[in-house]
Protein backbone atom coordinates (compact mmCIF):
# COMPACT_ATOMS: atom_id res chain seq x y z
CA MET A 1 15.58 -8.24 -7.40
CA ARG A 2 19.07 -8.89 -6.97
CA VAL A 3 18.48 -8.91 -3.11
CA PHE A 4 16.12 -11.54 -3.61
CA LEU A 5 18.14 -13.89 -5.18
CA GLN A 6 20.88 -13.81 -2.47
CA SER A 7 18.79 -16.06 -0.11
CA PHE A 8 16.34 -19.09 -0.44
CA THR A 9 13.46 -16.87 0.89
CA GLY A 10 14.16 -14.31 -1.48
CA LYS A 11 14.24 -16.82 -4.41
CA ALA A 12 10.80 -18.46 -3.16
CA LEU A 13 9.61 -14.78 -3.10
CA ALA A 14 10.81 -13.85 -6.65
CA LEU A 15 9.48 -16.90 -8.03
CA SER A 16 6.27 -16.34 -6.80
CA LEU A 17 6.26 -12.86 -8.52
CA PHE A 18 7.72 -14.54 -11.70
CA ALA A 19 4.58 -16.76 -11.64
CA LEU A 20 2.58 -13.46 -11.58
CA LEU A 21 4.49 -11.97 -14.58
CA ALA A 22 3.47 -15.15 -16.35
CA GLY A 23 -0.22 -14.41 -15.72
CA CYS A 24 -0.65 -16.53 -12.43
CA ASN A 25 -2.03 -15.49 -9.00
CA GLY A 26 -2.18 -18.83 -7.47
CA GLU A 27 -2.52 -22.11 -8.91
CA ALA A 28 -6.33 -22.15 -8.28
CA ASN A 29 -7.02 -18.91 -10.41
CA LEU A 30 -8.59 -19.93 -13.82
CA PHE A 31 -8.74 -16.34 -14.94
CA THR A 32 -5.26 -15.35 -16.11
CA SER A 33 -5.53 -15.40 -19.92
CA SER A 34 -6.02 -12.51 -21.68
CA ALA A 35 -9.40 -13.23 -22.43
CA ALA A 36 -10.49 -13.05 -18.92
CA PRO A 37 -11.58 -9.56 -17.60
CA GLU A 38 -8.64 -7.51 -16.17
CA VAL A 39 -10.26 -7.36 -12.66
CA LEU A 40 -9.84 -10.82 -12.09
CA ARG A 41 -6.22 -10.75 -12.50
CA TRP A 42 -5.94 -8.86 -8.85
CA MET A 43 -8.17 -11.03 -6.79
CA HIS A 44 -7.50 -14.19 -4.46
CA PRO A 45 -8.18 -17.52 -5.95
CA ASP A 46 -10.94 -18.09 -3.25
CA ALA A 47 -13.14 -14.87 -4.05
CA ASP A 48 -16.34 -14.60 -5.25
CA THR A 49 -15.85 -14.34 -8.88
CA VAL A 50 -19.44 -13.65 -9.74
CA ALA A 51 -19.53 -10.56 -7.06
CA ILE A 52 -16.29 -9.13 -8.16
CA LEU A 53 -17.43 -9.02 -11.94
CA SER A 54 -21.11 -7.90 -11.08
CA GLU A 55 -20.21 -5.12 -7.98
CA GLU A 56 -18.01 -2.57 -7.50
CA PRO A 57 -17.59 0.64 -5.19
CA ARG A 58 -19.54 3.37 -6.63
CA GLU A 59 -17.24 6.34 -7.96
CA CYS A 60 -18.03 9.39 -5.59
CA LEU A 61 -17.84 12.34 -7.98
CA PRO A 62 -20.13 15.32 -8.53
CA SER A 63 -22.61 14.20 -11.09
CA LEU A 64 -21.59 16.59 -13.62
CA ALA A 65 -17.70 15.87 -13.53
CA SER A 66 -15.58 18.42 -15.68
CA SER A 67 -13.18 17.49 -18.50
CA GLN A 68 -10.32 17.67 -16.44
CA ASP A 69 -11.59 14.95 -14.17
CA ILE A 70 -12.59 12.64 -16.88
CA PHE A 71 -9.13 12.97 -18.21
CA GLY A 72 -7.96 12.21 -14.65
CA ARG A 73 -10.24 9.28 -14.59
CA LEU A 74 -8.68 7.70 -17.56
CA ALA A 75 -5.20 8.32 -16.46
CA PHE A 76 -6.18 6.57 -12.88
CA ARG A 77 -7.38 3.51 -14.91
CA SER A 78 -4.68 3.38 -17.30
CA PRO A 79 -1.51 1.14 -17.05
CA PHE A 80 0.43 3.93 -18.87
CA LEU A 81 0.83 5.93 -15.90
CA LEU A 82 3.09 3.62 -13.83
CA GLY A 83 6.53 1.73 -14.98
CA GLY A 84 8.51 -1.36 -14.53
CA GLN A 85 6.72 -4.47 -13.51
CA ALA A 86 3.77 -2.70 -12.48
CA ALA A 87 2.95 -1.44 -16.11
CA ARG A 88 3.94 -4.77 -17.75
CA ARG A 89 1.44 -6.60 -15.81
CA GLY A 90 -1.20 -3.69 -16.26
CA LEU A 91 -1.37 -2.86 -12.81
CA THR A 92 -3.41 0.50 -12.32
CA CYS A 93 -4.34 3.05 -9.68
CA GLN A 94 -7.91 1.64 -10.34
CA ALA A 95 -6.80 -2.03 -9.60
CA CYS A 96 -6.06 -1.46 -5.80
CA HIS A 97 -8.33 2.13 -5.47
CA THR A 98 -11.25 0.91 -7.44
CA GLN A 99 -13.35 3.93 -8.43
CA GLY A 100 -11.08 5.66 -5.73
CA GLN A 101 -12.33 3.47 -3.02
CA ALA A 102 -10.46 0.70 -1.46
CA ASN A 103 -10.73 -2.30 -3.39
CA PRO A 104 -11.26 -5.21 -0.60
CA HIS A 105 -10.70 -7.85 -3.07
CA PHE A 106 -6.97 -7.01 -4.38
CA PHE A 107 -4.63 -9.59 -3.89
CA VAL A 108 -1.21 -10.63 -5.27
CA VAL A 109 0.81 -13.71 -4.33
CA GLY A 110 4.10 -12.18 -2.76
CA LEU A 111 2.82 -9.04 -2.29
CA SER A 112 -0.48 -9.47 -0.18
CA ASP A 113 -1.06 -11.26 2.96
CA ALA A 114 -4.69 -11.01 2.65
CA PRO A 115 -7.41 -9.52 0.29
CA GLY A 116 -7.30 -5.77 0.11
CA THR A 117 -3.52 -5.32 1.04
CA SER A 118 -0.42 -4.80 -0.38
CA ASP A 119 3.40 -4.50 0.20
CA VAL A 120 4.00 -0.80 -1.33
CA THR A 121 7.86 -1.26 -0.19
CA SER A 122 8.56 -4.28 -2.51
CA PHE A 123 11.52 -4.82 -4.56
CA HIS A 124 9.40 -6.29 -7.23
CA PHE A 125 7.79 -2.94 -8.22
CA SER A 126 10.65 -0.50 -6.99
CA GLU A 127 14.37 -1.39 -6.56
CA GLU A 128 14.69 2.24 -4.89
CA LEU A 129 12.10 1.65 -2.15
CA GLY A 130 12.33 -1.89 -1.72
CA ASP A 131 13.04 -2.98 2.07
CA GLU A 132 13.19 -6.95 1.79
CA ILE A 133 10.39 -7.00 4.53
CA PHE A 134 7.20 -8.56 3.61
CA ASN A 135 4.89 -5.69 5.06
CA PRO A 136 1.72 -5.37 3.31
CA VAL A 137 -0.84 -2.91 4.60
CA PRO A 138 -4.44 -2.12 3.96
CA ILE A 139 -5.38 -0.32 0.37
CA PRO A 140 -6.92 2.92 1.70
CA SER A 141 -9.83 4.94 0.05
CA LEU A 142 -8.95 8.03 -1.82
CA SER A 143 -12.58 9.50 -1.62
CA ASP A 144 -11.80 10.02 2.10
CA GLU A 145 -9.59 12.80 2.45
CA VAL A 146 -8.45 12.06 6.03
CA GLU A 147 -7.43 8.43 5.34
CA THR A 148 -5.71 9.78 2.33
CA VAL A 149 -3.50 12.08 4.09
CA SER A 150 -2.67 9.72 6.37
CA PHE A 151 -1.50 7.25 4.26
CA SER A 152 1.32 9.84 2.97
CA ASP A 153 3.60 11.80 4.72
CA LYS A 154 1.63 14.56 6.26
CA THR A 155 4.11 17.12 5.54
CA ASP A 156 3.85 16.42 1.63
CA GLU A 157 1.29 17.88 -0.59
CA LEU A 158 -0.93 15.52 -2.58
CA ASN A 159 0.83 16.18 -5.97
CA ILE A 160 4.26 15.51 -4.19
CA PHE A 161 2.69 12.20 -2.82
CA VAL A 162 1.23 11.31 -6.32
CA ARG A 163 4.56 11.78 -8.20
CA ARG A 164 6.46 9.86 -5.35
CA LEU A 165 3.57 6.80 -6.04
CA ILE A 166 4.12 7.08 -9.67
CA THR A 167 8.21 7.54 -10.02
CA LYS A 168 9.28 5.91 -6.85
CA GLU A 169 6.78 3.00 -5.92
CA PHE A 170 6.02 1.88 -9.33
CA ALA A 171 9.21 2.94 -11.17
CA GLY A 172 7.13 5.10 -13.90
CA PRO A 173 8.21 7.86 -15.80
CA GLU A 174 7.79 11.73 -15.15
CA PRO A 175 4.07 12.20 -15.86
CA VAL A 176 3.19 14.36 -18.58
CA PRO A 177 2.16 17.79 -17.02
CA ASP A 178 -1.26 18.02 -18.18
CA VAL A 179 -2.03 14.34 -17.49
CA GLU A 180 -0.33 14.87 -13.87
CA ALA A 181 -3.02 17.80 -13.47
CA ALA A 182 -5.90 15.78 -14.62
CA LEU A 183 -5.24 13.05 -12.11
CA LEU A 184 -4.65 15.16 -9.36
CA SER A 185 -8.06 17.00 -10.16
CA TYR A 186 -9.87 13.88 -10.19
CA ILE A 187 -8.44 12.61 -6.83
CA ARG A 188 -9.39 16.12 -5.07
CA SER A 189 -12.83 15.66 -6.67
CA LEU A 190 -13.40 12.48 -5.04
CA ASP A 191 -15.78 12.69 -1.84
CA ASP A 192 -17.58 10.21 -0.11
CA ALA A 193 -20.43 12.97 0.14
CA PHE A 194 -21.23 12.53 -3.60
CA CYS A 195 -22.33 8.74 -2.86
CA ASP A 196 -25.62 7.95 -1.72
CA THR A 197 -24.85 4.01 -1.84
CA PRO A 198 -21.43 2.28 -1.44
CA THR A 199 -21.75 0.09 -4.41
CA ILE A 200 -23.01 -0.08 -7.94
CA ALA A 201 -24.09 -3.38 -9.71
CA ASP A 202 -25.34 -5.26 -12.64
CA ALA A 203 -27.14 -3.05 -15.30
CA ASP A 204 -25.89 0.10 -13.18
CA LEU A 205 -22.45 -0.93 -13.50
CA TRP A 206 -22.71 -1.97 -17.26
CA THR A 207 -24.24 1.84 -17.92
CA PHE A 208 -21.27 3.13 -15.70
CA ASN A 209 -18.72 1.61 -17.98
CA LEU A 210 -20.12 2.73 -20.97
CA ARG A 211 -20.33 6.13 -19.83
CA VAL A 212 -16.81 6.07 -18.74
CA ILE A 213 -16.03 5.53 -22.60
CA SER A 214 -18.74 8.13 -23.78
CA GLU A 215 -17.41 10.94 -21.74
CA SER A 216 -14.01 10.31 -22.23
CA PHE A 217 -14.97 10.65 -26.18
CA THR A 218 -16.63 13.88 -25.32
CA ALA A 219 -13.75 15.42 -23.35
CA LEU A 220 -11.18 14.40 -25.96
CA GLN A 221 -13.09 16.32 -28.43
CA SER A 222 -14.09 19.53 -26.63
CA GLU A 223 -10.97 20.01 -24.25
CA PRO A 224 -7.51 20.67 -25.85
CA LEU A 225 -4.45 18.86 -24.70
CA SER A 226 -0.97 18.86 -25.35
CA ALA A 227 0.38 16.47 -28.01
CA GLU A 228 1.50 14.15 -25.48
CA GLY A 229 -1.55 14.45 -23.18
CA GLN A 230 -3.53 13.49 -26.11
CA ARG A 231 -1.51 10.75 -27.05
CA PHE A 232 -1.58 9.37 -23.46
CA MET A 233 -5.53 9.72 -23.06
CA MET A 234 -6.26 8.11 -26.56
CA GLY A 235 -4.12 5.11 -25.60
CA ALA A 236 -6.07 5.11 -22.20
CA LEU A 237 -9.12 5.20 -24.17
CA ARG A 238 -8.31 2.13 -26.20
CA ILE A 239 -7.60 0.25 -22.81
CA GLU A 240 -10.97 0.99 -21.98
CA LEU A 241 -12.50 -0.15 -25.06
CA GLY A 242 -10.42 -3.33 -24.70
CA ARG A 243 -11.87 -3.80 -21.10
CA LEU A 244 -15.33 -3.76 -22.64
CA HIS A 245 -14.54 -6.12 -25.17
CA ASP A 246 -13.34 -8.77 -22.83
CA ARG A 247 -16.64 -8.37 -20.94
CA LEU A 248 -18.68 -9.31 -24.05
CA PRO A 249 -17.30 -12.88 -25.00
CA TYR A 250 -21.06 -13.76 -26.49
CA SER A 251 -21.38 -10.58 -28.28
CA PRO A 252 -18.76 -11.23 -31.10
CA LYS A 253 -20.45 -8.41 -33.62
CA VAL A 254 -20.06 -5.66 -31.04
CA GLN A 255 -16.57 -7.04 -30.16
CA ALA A 256 -15.36 -6.64 -33.55
CA SER A 257 -16.71 -3.20 -33.77
CA LEU A 258 -14.80 -2.16 -30.42
CA VAL A 259 -11.64 -3.42 -32.20
CA SER A 260 -12.42 -1.35 -35.02
CA ILE A 261 -12.94 1.80 -32.99
CA SER A 262 -9.59 1.29 -31.11
CA GLN A 263 -7.97 0.79 -34.49
CA LYS A 264 -9.33 4.20 -35.66
CA LEU A 265 -8.08 5.60 -32.26
CA ASN A 266 -4.69 4.44 -32.93
CA THR A 267 -4.53 5.91 -36.51
CA ALA A 268 -6.18 9.10 -35.28
CA LYS A 269 -3.37 9.83 -32.84
CA HIS A 270 -1.57 11.72 -35.87
CA THR A 271 -4.59 13.10 -37.95
CA GLU A 272 -6.94 15.92 -38.07
CA PRO A 273 -9.66 15.98 -36.86
CA PRO A 274 -8.32 13.54 -34.27
CA LEU A 275 -11.53 11.55 -33.04
CA GLY A 276 -14.22 11.82 -35.94
CA ALA A 277 -14.18 8.56 -37.46
CA ALA A 278 -14.00 6.64 -33.96
CA THR A 279 -16.64 8.90 -32.28
CA TYR A 280 -18.76 8.37 -34.93
CA GLU A 281 -18.55 4.48 -35.03
CA TRP A 282 -18.90 4.56 -31.19
CA GLU A 283 -21.98 6.65 -31.41
CA ALA A 284 -23.46 4.37 -33.88
CA LEU A 285 -22.70 1.31 -31.73
CA GLN A 286 -25.12 2.28 -29.02
CA SER A 287 -28.25 0.79 -30.39
CA GLU A 288 -26.38 -2.66 -30.17
CA LEU A 289 -24.61 -2.19 -27.00
CA GLN A 290 -27.75 -1.47 -24.97
CA PRO A 291 -29.05 -4.96 -25.49
CA ALA A 292 -25.81 -6.54 -25.11
CA PHE A 293 -26.12 -6.29 -21.24
CA GLU A 294 -28.05 -9.49 -21.00
CA ASN A 295 -24.93 -11.46 -22.15
CA SER A 296 -22.27 -9.35 -20.74
CA LEU A 297 -19.95 -10.08 -17.75
CA PHE A 298 -21.72 -7.65 -15.81
CA ASN A 299 -24.94 -9.59 -15.56
CA LYS A 300 -24.84 -12.39 -13.07
CA GLY A 301 -26.53 -15.10 -15.26
CA ALA A 302 -24.13 -14.77 -18.13
CA ILE A 303 -21.06 -14.75 -15.43
CA GLU A 304 -22.56 -17.84 -13.84
CA ALA A 305 -22.48 -19.57 -17.60
CA TRP A 306 -19.16 -17.90 -18.30
CA LEU A 307 -17.41 -19.42 -15.54
CA ALA A 308 -19.12 -22.94 -15.82
CA GLU A 309 -17.60 -23.13 -19.41
CA ARG A 310 -14.15 -22.18 -18.08
CA ILE A 311 -14.44 -24.94 -15.37
CA ALA A 312 -15.54 -27.60 -17.75
CA ASN A 313 -12.73 -26.77 -20.19
């Protein structure tokens, strides 16, 4: 960042990035408050908001994912994996590589020159790798092994490449060993051959997000982790509950239950059994969650109503 402040051009870019840190991705973007779904932070102001909220790339995993892959998915979707400005703004692997696929909508002022691109050698995220050159590149898919390998140094193994991304490109801490192992397992398991269609939408996307949480509870109960690994995964699961909460602005009772479950998880970090109360409340909530789709920000009709309200206000 010091280098940016040494020239007018640098100052302009630094100010654009500061605006991002303040929660703004362009003046026309209405969706920068904490109440808006997180996915809207990383879109171009002119993007189709209804499409972004109601449709995503499909996750190409085997139908029976292992606990290791489920933990890896949690890490992939968690901002706790990264460091510096990326972590402060909630950036995740998932933001650029949605379900392991390239996110064609990703756009950040000062880092992207078009949707689906990012400058991975920006001083904003890494003083060590910053090169003072605005050179965004297309975000690759991680479920295509050839494309993934070509994106990295071909002499590196995947674990070296991923660690470099975390610690160098995004200034993150050295990952916890079992968290790192799970992340690598998840990335290796992604394969386009497991996807019969490229996208998932509406009620299917809603069901997938519920399944992410349910499978995470099951894995945490059945698979031992180190104390650090368990703390990380519980924190990541709380993030998932928060994301679901923000998609349910018209279901305050369900939102309150999600807050309660998250609070129990936070308390559970230092108690035994670690997940009993939170798991029980999540399972009890299922009967209320199923009909909540109609008024959720996964449903196109509800999304359009929500957008109209925000524009009017």
